[in-house]
Amino acid sequence: MAASLAAGAASAAGALSLQAPSGLQPLLEKHLAFISEAADGDLDDGRRVAVLRRARKEIAEILATEGYFKPSVEGRETPGGFAIVVEPGPRTTIADVELHFGGVVAGAAERVDALRRAWALPVGQPFRQADWDAAKQQLLDGLSLRDYAAAAITASEALIDPETASARLRVEIDSGPAFRFGALEVTGLSDYDQGLLARYQPPEPGEPYSQDRLLRYQTALQNTP
């Protein structure tokens, strides 16, 4: 069902409105400020064509971020003026996911299996650009925050097929080497003796790197009265 919201005064001749499914209407209104601006005053044929052309381009870009890659955007005469009518088409879903691991972690089967299970955008889920970005960041964090501080995504792609409304995802990530803590050097706490610093159980040389471990120690020192 489409929800319609007048972008200008309902009584104005030639008032412009936007009609889209209720779940997408707020998103489109948020990013299509020019529709409200165009609603001020009558719309002659030339202006309607220009508004519709711009709407088609911008609406397609916005809907693509939500997984709609084959929308229909048409202009329609209404009793109150002129409406831009949006039909988003089918939503794209994930058809396949390929995760490729390089670096030292490639030989750590349990860690790799855990990362695969934790992948946040599995087959069958709707494709959204924000979710795609978040899933890649979560995968990277799963390596870089523990053991593999230099981990990096070396390649990624989302292959979209608008005809089948499907997406095939591929990510290549390199863990780099496994890091361990070296000798710890604390600066800015010259008023405290080494015994006090040791009381908070700092990371030991040779201990596997953990950002959480380091931050907890840093927080404990900063909270020292």
Protein backbone atom coordinates (compact mmCIF):
# COMPACT_ATOMS: atom_id res chain seq x y z
CA MET A 1 0.00 0.00 0.00
CA ALA A 2 1.35 3.44 -0.90
CA ALA A 3 1.18 6.33 1.52
CA SER A 4 0.83 9.85 0.14
CA LEU A 5 2.06 12.99 1.82
CA ALA A 6 1.53 16.37 0.23
CA ALA A 7 4.78 18.22 -0.12
CA GLY A 8 3.01 21.55 -0.31
CA ALA A 9 -0.30 23.08 0.68
CA ALA A 10 -3.11 20.77 -0.35
CA SER A 11 -5.14 23.64 -1.71
CA ALA A 12 -2.38 24.95 -3.96
CA ALA A 13 -2.92 24.43 -7.68
CA GLY A 14 -0.25 22.14 -9.04
CA ALA A 15 0.83 20.99 -5.57
CA LEU A 16 3.50 18.30 -5.68
CA SER A 17 3.27 15.11 -3.63
CA LEU A 18 5.27 11.96 -3.13
CA GLN A 19 3.65 8.53 -3.06
CA ALA A 20 5.72 5.55 -1.89
CA PRO A 21 5.27 2.46 0.30
CA SER A 22 4.88 3.51 3.92
CA GLY A 23 8.12 1.80 4.95
CA LEU A 24 10.14 3.90 2.49
CA GLN A 25 8.24 7.18 2.53
CA PRO A 26 10.09 8.73 5.52
CA LEU A 27 13.48 7.82 4.05
CA LEU A 28 12.65 9.39 0.69
CA GLU A 29 11.17 12.51 2.23
CA LYS A 30 14.28 12.96 4.35
CA HIS A 31 16.60 12.98 1.35
CA LEU A 32 14.38 14.61 -1.29
CA ALA A 33 14.16 18.15 0.02
CA PHE A 34 13.88 19.49 -3.52
CA ILE A 35 10.35 18.06 -3.74
CA SER A 36 9.19 20.32 -0.93
CA GLU A 37 10.98 23.23 -2.55
CA ALA A 38 9.40 22.51 -5.93
CA ALA A 39 5.94 22.44 -4.35
CA ASP A 40 6.01 26.18 -3.74
CA GLY A 41 3.92 27.53 -6.59
CA ASP A 42 2.40 26.03 -9.71
CA LEU A 43 4.25 23.42 -11.73
CA ASP A 44 4.12 23.95 -15.47
CA ASP A 45 4.86 21.09 -17.85
CA GLY A 46 8.52 21.99 -18.22
CA ARG A 47 9.09 22.14 -14.49
CA ARG A 48 7.29 18.85 -13.95
CA VAL A 49 9.56 17.13 -16.45
CA ALA A 50 12.64 18.54 -14.71
CA VAL A 51 11.40 17.53 -11.25
CA LEU A 52 10.52 14.02 -12.42
CA ARG A 53 13.90 13.56 -14.11
CA ARG A 54 15.73 14.57 -10.94
CA ALA A 55 13.44 12.45 -8.77
CA ARG A 56 14.10 9.35 -10.85
CA LYS A 57 17.86 9.73 -10.50
CA GLU A 58 17.93 10.51 -6.78
CA ILE A 59 15.25 8.01 -5.77
CA ALA A 60 17.10 5.23 -7.62
CA GLU A 61 20.29 6.10 -5.71
CA ILE A 62 18.51 6.18 -2.35
CA LEU A 63 16.61 2.94 -2.89
CA ALA A 64 19.77 1.15 -4.01
CA THR A 65 21.21 1.63 -0.52
CA GLU A 66 18.19 -0.27 0.82
CA GLY A 67 18.49 -3.11 -1.68
CA TYR A 68 16.00 -1.96 -4.32
CA PHE A 69 17.76 -1.86 -7.68
CA LYS A 70 14.83 -1.91 -10.09
CA PRO A 71 12.39 0.80 -8.97
CA SER A 72 9.68 2.47 -11.01
CA VAL A 73 9.32 6.25 -10.60
CA GLU A 74 6.50 7.87 -12.56
CA GLY A 75 4.62 11.16 -12.62
CA ARG A 76 0.85 11.16 -12.24
CA GLU A 77 -1.81 13.84 -12.38
CA THR A 78 -3.85 14.06 -9.18
CA PRO A 79 -6.87 16.14 -8.15
CA GLY A 80 -4.51 18.25 -6.05
CA GLY A 81 -1.81 18.63 -8.66
CA PHE A 82 1.04 16.27 -9.55
CA ALA A 83 2.39 13.20 -7.77
CA ILE A 84 5.66 11.35 -8.01
CA VAL A 85 4.71 7.69 -7.59
CA VAL A 86 7.36 5.22 -6.43
CA GLU A 87 7.18 1.44 -6.76
CA PRO A 88 10.44 0.04 -5.34
CA GLY A 89 10.28 -3.35 -7.03
CA PRO A 90 11.69 -6.53 -5.43
CA ARG A 91 14.20 -6.23 -2.63
CA THR A 92 17.59 -7.79 -3.25
CA THR A 93 18.61 -10.65 -0.97
CA ILE A 94 21.96 -12.33 -0.39
CA ALA A 95 22.41 -15.36 -2.66
CA ASP A 96 26.03 -16.25 -1.90
CA VAL A 97 28.86 -15.23 0.45
CA GLU A 98 32.56 -15.91 -0.10
CA LEU A 99 35.00 -15.11 2.71
CA HIS A 100 38.68 -15.66 1.93
CA PHE A 101 41.29 -15.50 4.69
CA GLY A 102 44.99 -14.84 4.17
CA GLY A 103 47.91 -14.34 6.53
CA VAL A 104 48.68 -16.37 9.63
CA VAL A 105 45.01 -16.82 10.55
CA ALA A 106 44.49 -18.99 7.46
CA GLY A 107 46.13 -21.80 9.43
CA ALA A 108 43.92 -21.28 12.50
CA ALA A 109 40.90 -23.34 11.51
CA GLU A 110 38.88 -22.75 14.68
CA ARG A 111 39.32 -18.99 14.48
CA VAL A 112 38.36 -18.92 10.80
CA ASP A 113 35.30 -21.10 11.44
CA ALA A 114 34.21 -18.78 14.25
CA LEU A 115 34.55 -15.75 11.98
CA ARG A 116 32.52 -17.45 9.27
CA ARG A 117 29.75 -18.30 11.73
CA ALA A 118 29.73 -14.73 13.03
CA TRP A 119 29.39 -13.18 9.56
CA ALA A 120 26.55 -10.69 9.93
CA LEU A 121 25.05 -10.78 6.43
CA PRO A 122 24.25 -14.42 5.61
CA VAL A 123 22.47 -15.92 2.63
CA GLY A 124 18.78 -15.04 2.57
CA GLN A 125 19.13 -11.69 4.33
CA PRO A 126 18.07 -8.47 2.56
CA PHE A 127 20.95 -6.47 1.11
CA ARG A 128 21.46 -2.99 2.53
CA GLN A 129 24.56 -0.89 1.98
CA ALA A 130 24.79 0.00 5.68
CA ASP A 131 24.58 -3.68 6.66
CA TRP A 132 27.22 -4.61 4.09
CA ASP A 133 29.60 -1.99 5.45
CA ALA A 134 28.89 -3.04 9.05
CA ALA A 135 29.42 -6.74 8.28
CA LYS A 136 32.84 -6.04 6.79
CA GLN A 137 33.83 -3.90 9.76
CA GLN A 138 32.70 -6.60 12.18
CA LEU A 139 34.77 -9.17 10.30
CA LEU A 140 37.82 -6.90 10.46
CA ASP A 141 37.29 -6.23 14.16
CA GLY A 142 37.11 -9.96 14.75
CA LEU A 143 40.77 -10.13 13.75
CA SER A 144 42.31 -6.75 14.50
CA LEU A 145 41.07 -6.43 18.09
CA ARG A 146 42.69 -9.69 19.16
CA ASP A 147 45.96 -11.19 17.97
CA TYR A 148 46.04 -9.64 14.49
CA ALA A 149 46.47 -5.90 15.00
CA ALA A 150 47.53 -5.30 11.37
CA ALA A 151 44.59 -7.14 9.77
CA ALA A 152 43.15 -5.51 6.66
CA ILE A 153 40.46 -6.14 4.08
CA THR A 154 42.34 -6.40 0.80
CA ALA A 155 39.33 -6.71 -1.53
CA SER A 156 35.56 -6.76 -1.36
CA GLU A 157 32.70 -6.65 -3.81
CA ALA A 158 28.93 -6.97 -3.88
CA LEU A 159 27.75 -8.24 -7.26
CA ILE A 160 24.14 -7.20 -7.73
CA ASP A 161 21.83 -8.81 -10.29
CA PRO A 162 18.73 -6.58 -10.58
CA GLU A 163 16.96 -9.13 -12.78
CA THR A 164 17.00 -11.81 -10.08
CA ALA A 165 17.12 -9.39 -7.13
CA SER A 166 20.14 -11.22 -5.78
CA ALA A 167 23.54 -10.24 -4.41
CA ARG A 168 26.76 -12.24 -4.32
CA LEU A 169 29.22 -11.02 -1.68
CA ARG A 170 32.96 -11.58 -1.67
CA VAL A 171 35.50 -10.42 0.93
CA GLU A 172 39.24 -11.07 1.05
CA ILE A 173 40.91 -10.33 4.38
CA ASP A 174 44.56 -10.68 5.39
CA SER A 175 45.30 -11.11 9.07
CA GLY A 176 48.99 -10.33 8.78
CA PRO A 177 51.19 -11.74 11.57
CA ALA A 178 50.01 -12.60 15.07
CA PHE A 179 51.11 -9.89 17.49
CA ARG A 180 52.26 -10.24 21.09
CA PHE A 181 52.85 -7.60 23.71
CA GLY A 182 56.41 -6.45 24.21
CA ALA A 183 57.84 -4.59 27.17
CA LEU A 184 55.27 -2.09 28.43
CA GLU A 185 56.23 1.56 28.74
CA VAL A 186 53.90 3.87 30.69
CA THR A 187 54.32 7.64 30.30
CA GLY A 188 52.59 10.50 32.08
CA LEU A 189 52.48 8.72 35.45
CA SER A 190 55.86 9.72 36.87
CA ASP A 191 54.39 10.30 40.34
CA TYR A 192 53.60 6.60 40.71
CA ASP A 193 56.18 3.95 41.46
CA GLN A 194 56.60 0.78 39.44
CA GLY A 195 55.04 -1.30 42.19
CA LEU A 196 51.75 0.55 41.80
CA LEU A 197 51.83 0.11 38.03
CA ALA A 198 52.37 -3.62 38.44
CA ARG A 199 49.47 -3.88 40.88
CA TYR A 200 47.03 -3.39 38.01
CA GLN A 201 48.36 -6.46 36.21
CA PRO A 202 49.71 -5.01 32.97
CA PRO A 203 49.97 -7.18 29.86
CA GLU A 204 53.02 -9.39 30.14
CA PRO A 205 55.71 -9.49 27.44
CA GLY A 206 54.87 -12.35 25.11
CA GLU A 207 51.15 -12.29 25.94
CA PRO A 208 48.92 -12.38 22.81
CA TYR A 209 47.79 -8.92 21.75
CA SER A 210 44.32 -7.85 22.85
CA GLN A 211 43.02 -4.32 22.45
CA ASP A 212 40.47 -4.95 25.20
CA ARG A 213 43.22 -6.11 27.56
CA LEU A 214 45.27 -2.99 26.86
CA LEU A 215 42.31 -0.62 27.23
CA ARG A 216 41.26 -2.17 30.55
CA TYR A 217 44.76 -1.65 31.93
CA GLN A 218 44.88 1.91 30.59
CA THR A 219 41.50 2.70 32.16
CA ALA A 220 42.60 1.31 35.52
CA LEU A 221 45.67 3.56 35.49
CA GLN A 222 43.68 6.62 34.49
CA ASN A 223 41.25 6.01 37.35
CA THR A 224 44.06 5.78 39.90
CA PRO A 225 43.37 8.33 42.68
